[in-house]
Every structure is written in C-alpha cells, then in structure tokens.
C-alpha cells in the first residue's frame, strides 16, 4: 500500500474511543443460558401441547415446529461458534504514522491504525471492545450469542433471526390452537405448559420481527449497525451497489479468502489509489 500525503478527500469512519476488554465469563454464561432456555422451552412445548395434538391426529403442528426448532438450534449453535471475520494481529513494522488509503467507488478512505492489533484497519473494520479483536465488515456485537457479527457470519445471524421469528410464531399459533381445541376439558398440566410457552413466544415475536425488519432495511441500503447515525460524504454510500446486489453480496456471494492485514487487494471493493 503506497504512502500518500495529499490524498483527498478522505472519508472518515466512525471511530469510538478505545475501550478495555470486558470480562468474558459473564457474557459467556449469558449466551449459554440463552441456549439452555431455548432447549427447555422447546422441550416443554413438544412434551405437552404438541404431544396432545399429535396424539389426536394433528401431525402437521409437531412436524412444522420440529423442523423450525432444528433450524433455530442449528443457526444458534453455528452463530455461537462462527468466525465473524477476525483479522489477526499484525506487527509494528508499519507504524501509525504511515498513511494508507483505499478507494471505494471513487471515495477515498484513510485507514485507521489499531493500537491493539497493530495494523491499519480496512474500511468498515472495527475493534470490538468485548472480544478484543478486529472484525472485518463489523456490524455489531451480539450479546445474546456472545459473538461479533461481521463479514463471515452475518448470514448466520440473519438465518437465526428469521428462524426465531418463524419458530416463535409457530409455537404461539400451536399453543393457541391447543387451548381452543381443549376448551371443553378441565384445566390440566398441558394447558398450564401451553400458557407458559405461549406468553414468552408472544413477547419475543414482536421485537424479533422488528429486528428482522431493521436488519433487512440495513442490508438493502448496505448500512451497518455500528455506524449509527453517521452518514457518508454528501449522503452517498460508496458501499451501496443497489438493493438486489447488496442482498446477493451479503447472503449469497462467496465469502472469499480471509483478509490478511496490509493485503487489502483481496476484496473487490478495495482499490489502492495511485501513487
């Protein structure tokens, strides 16, 4: 990457002040608790109201909710242990005083130096204070799974939110149908468990749907959550390739090789400015 002194205009990225790494034990326990909570509520759901419907010939409900449960657990576990796009630490051979610039759709980005990882961060790369790592194409740190959401696992995050929406809605509908079908029966353990499962399912459904809608809008506009209210020069987002192309690049496009610090030509958006 060439040394530039007069490259203009520079487009500044959001650069929050550095923070100390946070203790890892509590976030890890919280993420494990969420997995256990999902398994427990799913077990109660399938063991009581879903079992009653299956015993009375309503096999469609356990089949559909079972598939959604498997998809939800798969996406949750995959996201927990996925690589968000970690850029490993570099060296001090190229210090912070050197100026590195890349061009994205005719806009110049001056690369920020990461003091903790010792390299110039590519555009949209951010040092997560919770994980103490630099993540390529950083979106946010998800405390529910205790992992960053970035270039290499954003599609798992979208799959998790979508599957949770569908699974919560399916559990809610199944429990309501079970309660309607058993109105003529006395109150039992099955009804109590159905109410116990339906209440949190209904409570999580609305925020999950709003989260899915917000993330879908962000993907369509090629925006990232951590950028907040920051807007690019003259309202122009150089990372926006159109709605259809943005969805393809985010969800369907090959991830490509892992990005190595100081070798930013590996990504199609990164074009070195002329010396």
Protein backbone atom coordinates (compact mmCIF):
# COMPACT_ATOMS: atom_id res chain seq x y z
CA UNK A 1 0.00 0.00 0.00
CA UNK A 2 1.64 3.27 -1.04
CA UNK A 3 2.44 6.16 1.24
CA UNK A 4 0.22 9.13 0.43
CA UNK A 5 0.50 12.67 1.76
CA UNK A 6 -2.01 14.60 -0.32
CA UNK A 7 -4.83 12.12 -0.93
CA UNK A 8 -8.14 14.00 -0.73
CA UNK A 9 -10.96 13.78 0.08
CA UNK A 10 -10.75 11.40 2.99
CA UNK A 11 -13.92 9.77 4.26
CA UNK A 12 -13.80 9.35 8.00
CA UNK A 13 -15.28 6.24 9.53
CA UNK A 14 -16.93 6.08 12.95
CA UNK A 15 -14.05 5.80 15.39
CA UNK A 16 -15.23 5.41 19.01
CA UNK A 17 -12.58 5.76 21.71
CA UNK A 18 -10.75 2.52 22.59
CA UNK A 19 -12.16 0.54 25.47
CA UNK A 20 -10.66 -2.06 27.72
CA UNK A 21 -11.68 -5.69 27.12
CA UNK A 22 -14.61 -6.71 29.30
CA UNK A 23 -14.66 -9.86 31.45
CA UNK A 24 -15.60 -12.82 29.28
CA UNK A 25 -17.17 -15.13 31.86
CA UNK A 26 -20.49 -13.30 32.35
CA UNK A 27 -21.24 -12.82 28.61
CA UNK A 28 -20.37 -16.48 28.02
CA UNK A 29 -22.71 -17.60 30.79
CA UNK A 30 -25.46 -15.38 29.41
CA UNK A 31 -25.06 -16.89 25.93
CA UNK A 32 -25.10 -20.42 27.39
CA UNK A 33 -28.21 -19.52 29.41
CA UNK A 34 -29.99 -18.47 26.21
CA UNK A 35 -29.23 -21.83 24.59
CA UNK A 36 -30.48 -23.70 27.68
CA UNK A 37 -33.61 -21.52 27.79
CA UNK A 38 -34.41 -22.33 24.17
CA UNK A 39 -33.91 -26.06 24.77
CA UNK A 40 -36.04 -26.05 27.95
CA UNK A 41 -38.98 -24.18 26.41
CA UNK A 42 -38.79 -26.35 23.30
CA UNK A 43 -38.80 -29.50 25.45
CA UNK A 44 -41.88 -28.32 27.38
CA UNK A 45 -43.61 -27.35 24.14
CA UNK A 46 -43.07 -30.72 22.46
CA UNK A 47 -43.73 -32.76 25.61
CA UNK A 48 -47.14 -31.26 26.44
CA UNK A 49 -49.29 -29.25 23.97
CA UNK A 50 -47.55 -30.58 20.86
CA UNK A 51 -47.77 -34.17 22.14
CA UNK A 52 -51.51 -33.80 22.75
CA UNK A 53 -52.10 -32.54 19.21
CA UNK A 54 -50.05 -35.39 17.75
CA UNK A 55 -51.98 -37.96 19.78
CA UNK A 56 -55.21 -36.54 18.39
CA UNK A 57 -54.14 -36.76 14.78
CA UNK A 58 -52.76 -33.21 14.32
CA UNK A 59 -49.35 -34.24 12.98
CA UNK A 60 -48.79 -31.07 10.95
CA UNK A 61 -48.05 -29.00 14.05
CA UNK A 62 -45.23 -31.15 15.50
CA UNK A 63 -43.71 -31.66 12.04
CA UNK A 64 -43.58 -27.95 11.15
CA UNK A 65 -42.48 -26.77 14.59
CA UNK A 66 -39.94 -29.60 14.78
CA UNK A 67 -38.28 -28.53 11.55
CA UNK A 68 -38.24 -24.89 12.69
CA UNK A 69 -36.77 -25.96 16.05
CA UNK A 70 -33.94 -27.85 14.34
CA UNK A 71 -33.25 -24.86 12.07
CA UNK A 72 -33.25 -22.46 15.03
CA UNK A 73 -30.89 -24.58 17.14
CA UNK A 74 -28.59 -25.13 14.15
CA UNK A 75 -28.36 -21.41 13.36
CA UNK A 76 -27.88 -20.53 17.04
CA UNK A 77 -25.05 -23.01 17.57
CA UNK A 78 -23.46 -22.08 14.23
CA UNK A 79 -23.52 -18.40 15.12
CA UNK A 80 -22.10 -19.06 18.59
CA UNK A 81 -19.02 -20.81 17.22
CA UNK A 82 -18.64 -18.97 13.91
CA UNK A 83 -15.76 -16.76 12.81
CA UNK A 84 -17.12 -13.23 12.25
CA UNK A 85 -14.11 -12.29 10.14
CA UNK A 86 -11.31 -11.90 12.66
CA UNK A 87 -8.22 -10.06 11.45
CA UNK A 88 -5.28 -11.40 13.40
CA UNK A 89 -2.68 -9.16 14.93
CA UNK A 90 -0.03 -7.63 12.71
CA UNK A 91 3.32 -6.10 13.60
CA UNK A 92 4.83 -2.72 14.30
CA UNK A 93 6.83 -2.68 11.07
CA UNK A 94 4.35 -0.20 9.61
CA UNK A 95 3.59 2.23 12.38
CA UNK A 96 0.62 4.53 12.85
CA UNK A 97 2.43 7.48 11.28
CA UNK A 98 2.21 5.94 7.81
CA UNK A 99 -0.78 6.94 5.69
CA UNK A 100 -2.70 4.21 3.85
CA UNK A 101 -5.59 4.99 1.54
CA UNK A 102 -8.02 2.80 -0.39
CA UNK A 103 -10.65 3.92 -2.86
CA UNK A 104 -14.23 2.63 -2.79
CA UNK A 105 -16.41 3.79 -5.69
CA UNK A 106 -14.41 6.98 -6.18
CA UNK A 107 -14.27 7.77 -2.46
CA UNK A 108 -11.01 7.71 -0.52
CA UNK A 109 -10.77 6.04 2.89
CA UNK A 110 -7.83 6.74 5.13
CA UNK A 111 -7.23 3.52 7.05
CA UNK A 112 -7.31 3.80 10.81
CA UNK A 113 -4.45 2.35 12.84
CA UNK A 114 -5.48 -0.17 15.51
CA UNK A 115 -3.20 0.17 18.51
CA UNK A 116 -4.21 -3.21 19.91
CA UNK A 117 -3.90 -5.29 16.72
CA UNK A 118 -1.01 -3.28 15.18
CA UNK A 119 -2.25 -2.79 11.62
CA UNK A 120 -4.23 -0.34 9.55
CA UNK A 121 -7.87 -1.41 9.56
CA UNK A 122 -9.66 -1.81 6.20
CA UNK A 123 -12.88 0.15 5.67
CA UNK A 124 -15.72 -0.95 7.93
CA UNK A 125 -13.37 -2.93 10.14
CA UNK A 126 -13.81 -2.23 13.84
CA UNK A 127 -12.06 -3.33 17.02
CA UNK A 128 -14.68 -4.94 19.26
CA UNK A 129 -14.08 -4.00 22.92
CA UNK A 130 -15.96 -7.08 24.17
CA UNK A 131 -13.96 -9.62 22.15
CA UNK A 132 -10.74 -7.56 21.87
CA UNK A 133 -10.40 -8.37 18.15
CA UNK A 134 -10.69 -6.53 14.87
CA UNK A 135 -13.60 -7.80 12.76
CA UNK A 136 -13.89 -7.34 9.02
CA UNK A 137 -17.11 -5.64 7.86
CA UNK A 138 -18.21 -5.30 11.50
CA UNK A 139 -21.96 -4.92 12.12
CA UNK A 140 -22.37 -5.27 15.88
CA UNK A 141 -21.53 -7.43 18.89
CA UNK A 142 -24.46 -9.73 19.68
CA UNK A 143 -24.64 -10.28 23.44
CA UNK A 144 -27.27 -12.99 23.02
CA UNK A 145 -24.67 -15.31 21.47
CA UNK A 146 -21.54 -13.55 22.81
CA UNK A 147 -20.04 -13.18 19.36
CA UNK A 148 -19.39 -10.42 16.88
CA UNK A 149 -21.46 -10.18 13.72
CA UNK A 150 -19.32 -9.45 10.69
CA UNK A 151 -18.39 -10.41 7.15
CA UNK A 152 -18.15 -14.17 7.63
CA UNK A 153 -21.16 -14.88 9.86
CA UNK A 154 -23.74 -12.19 9.06
CA UNK A 155 -25.77 -14.69 7.03
CA UNK A 156 -25.93 -16.99 10.08
CA UNK A 157 -27.23 -14.05 12.11
CA UNK A 158 -29.97 -13.32 9.57
CA UNK A 159 -30.86 -17.02 9.48
CA UNK A 160 -31.10 -17.08 13.29
CA UNK A 161 -33.37 -14.03 13.47
CA UNK A 162 -35.60 -15.37 10.69
CA UNK A 163 -35.82 -18.87 12.20
CA UNK A 164 -36.55 -17.43 15.66
CA UNK A 165 -39.39 -15.34 14.21
CA UNK A 166 -40.90 -18.34 12.46
CA UNK A 167 -40.37 -20.68 15.40
CA UNK A 168 -41.86 -18.25 17.94
CA UNK A 169 -44.86 -17.65 15.69
CA UNK A 170 -45.35 -21.38 15.14
CA UNK A 171 -45.18 -22.11 18.88
CA UNK A 172 -47.64 -19.33 19.63
CA UNK A 173 -50.13 -20.49 17.00
CA UNK A 174 -49.80 -24.13 18.09
CA UNK A 175 -50.38 -23.30 21.75
CA UNK A 176 -53.43 -21.16 20.91
CA UNK A 177 -54.91 -23.90 18.73
CA UNK A 178 -54.29 -26.42 21.51
CA UNK A 179 -56.08 -24.18 24.04
CA UNK A 180 -59.00 -23.72 21.67
CA UNK A 181 -59.28 -27.46 21.00
CA UNK A 182 -59.26 -28.25 24.73
CA UNK A 183 -61.73 -25.64 25.98
CA UNK A 184 -64.19 -28.43 26.87
CA UNK A 185 -61.58 -30.21 29.01
CA UNK A 186 -60.73 -29.32 32.63
CA UNK A 187 -57.61 -27.32 33.40
CA UNK A 188 -54.56 -29.60 33.30
CA UNK A 189 -50.78 -29.59 33.20
CA UNK A 190 -50.90 -29.50 29.39
CA UNK A 191 -52.86 -26.24 29.45
CA UNK A 192 -50.58 -24.70 32.05
CA UNK A 193 -47.47 -25.52 29.99
CA UNK A 194 -49.17 -24.21 26.83
CA UNK A 195 -49.80 -20.86 28.53
CA UNK A 196 -46.27 -20.86 29.96
CA UNK A 197 -44.81 -21.33 26.46
CA UNK A 198 -47.23 -19.03 24.63
CA UNK A 199 -46.57 -15.97 26.80
CA UNK A 200 -42.78 -15.67 26.14
CA UNK A 201 -43.31 -16.71 22.50
CA UNK A 202 -45.71 -13.80 22.03
CA UNK A 203 -43.40 -11.47 23.95
CA UNK A 204 -40.37 -12.27 21.78
CA UNK A 205 -42.24 -12.32 18.47
CA UNK A 206 -42.74 -8.56 18.10
CA UNK A 207 -39.15 -7.45 18.90
CA UNK A 208 -37.76 -10.27 16.76
CA UNK A 209 -39.91 -9.20 13.83
CA UNK A 210 -38.81 -5.56 14.28
CA UNK A 211 -35.17 -6.66 14.44
CA UNK A 212 -35.60 -8.69 11.25
CA UNK A 213 -37.20 -5.70 9.53
CA UNK A 214 -34.42 -3.33 10.63
CA UNK A 215 -31.70 -5.72 9.52
CA UNK A 216 -33.44 -6.24 6.16
CA UNK A 217 -33.55 -2.48 5.62
CA UNK A 218 -29.87 -2.20 6.56
CA UNK A 219 -28.90 -4.94 4.08
CA UNK A 220 -30.94 -3.29 1.33
CA UNK A 221 -29.15 0.02 1.91
CA UNK A 222 -25.70 -1.56 2.56
CA UNK A 223 -25.52 0.00 6.01
CA UNK A 224 -24.01 -1.31 9.23
CA UNK A 225 -25.47 -1.11 12.72
CA UNK A 226 -22.36 0.26 14.44
CA UNK A 227 -22.20 3.22 12.07
CA UNK A 228 -25.27 4.62 13.79
CA UNK A 229 -26.31 8.00 12.53
CA UNK A 230 -23.06 8.58 10.69
CA UNK A 231 -23.62 9.34 7.03
CA UNK A 232 -21.10 9.33 4.25
CA UNK A 233 -19.95 12.38 2.33
CA UNK A 234 -22.87 14.20 0.66
CA UNK A 235 -25.24 11.39 1.64
CA UNK A 236 -23.57 8.97 -0.76
CA UNK A 237 -22.81 5.46 0.50
CA UNK A 238 -19.94 4.06 -1.60
CA UNK A 239 -20.70 0.52 -0.40
CA UNK A 240 -24.22 0.59 -1.87
CA UNK A 241 -24.45 -1.48 -5.07
CA UNK A 242 -28.25 -1.48 -5.32
CA UNK A 243 -30.78 -3.45 -3.32
CA UNK A 244 -30.52 -6.74 -5.25
CA UNK A 245 -26.72 -6.70 -5.40
CA UNK A 246 -26.49 -5.79 -1.70
CA UNK A 247 -28.56 -8.85 -0.77
CA UNK A 248 -26.50 -11.07 -3.05
CA UNK A 249 -23.18 -9.82 -1.66
CA UNK A 250 -24.39 -10.19 1.93
CA UNK A 251 -26.24 -13.50 1.83
CA UNK A 252 -25.26 -15.47 -1.28
CA UNK A 253 -21.85 -14.35 -2.53
CA UNK A 254 -18.78 -16.49 -1.72
CA UNK A 255 -17.01 -15.26 1.39
CA UNK A 256 -13.61 -15.40 -0.27
CA UNK A 257 -10.27 -15.91 1.48
CA UNK A 258 -9.67 -14.46 4.90
CA UNK A 259 -8.36 -10.94 4.75
CA UNK A 260 -4.71 -10.54 5.78
CA UNK A 261 -3.72 -7.18 7.28
CA UNK A 262 -1.88 -4.91 4.82
CA UNK A 263 -3.03 -7.02 1.83
CA UNK A 264 -6.33 -5.28 1.15
CA UNK A 265 -6.46 -6.08 -2.56
CA UNK A 266 -8.15 -9.39 -1.63
CA UNK A 267 -11.54 -7.67 -1.53
CA UNK A 268 -13.22 -6.33 -4.69
CA UNK A 269 -14.13 -3.01 -3.03
CA UNK A 270 -10.53 -2.18 -2.12
CA UNK A 271 -8.59 -0.44 -4.87
CA UNK A 272 -5.33 1.22 -4.00
CA UNK A 273 -5.06 4.82 -5.03
CA UNK A 274 -2.30 5.68 -7.47
CA UNK A 275 0.99 6.89 -6.05
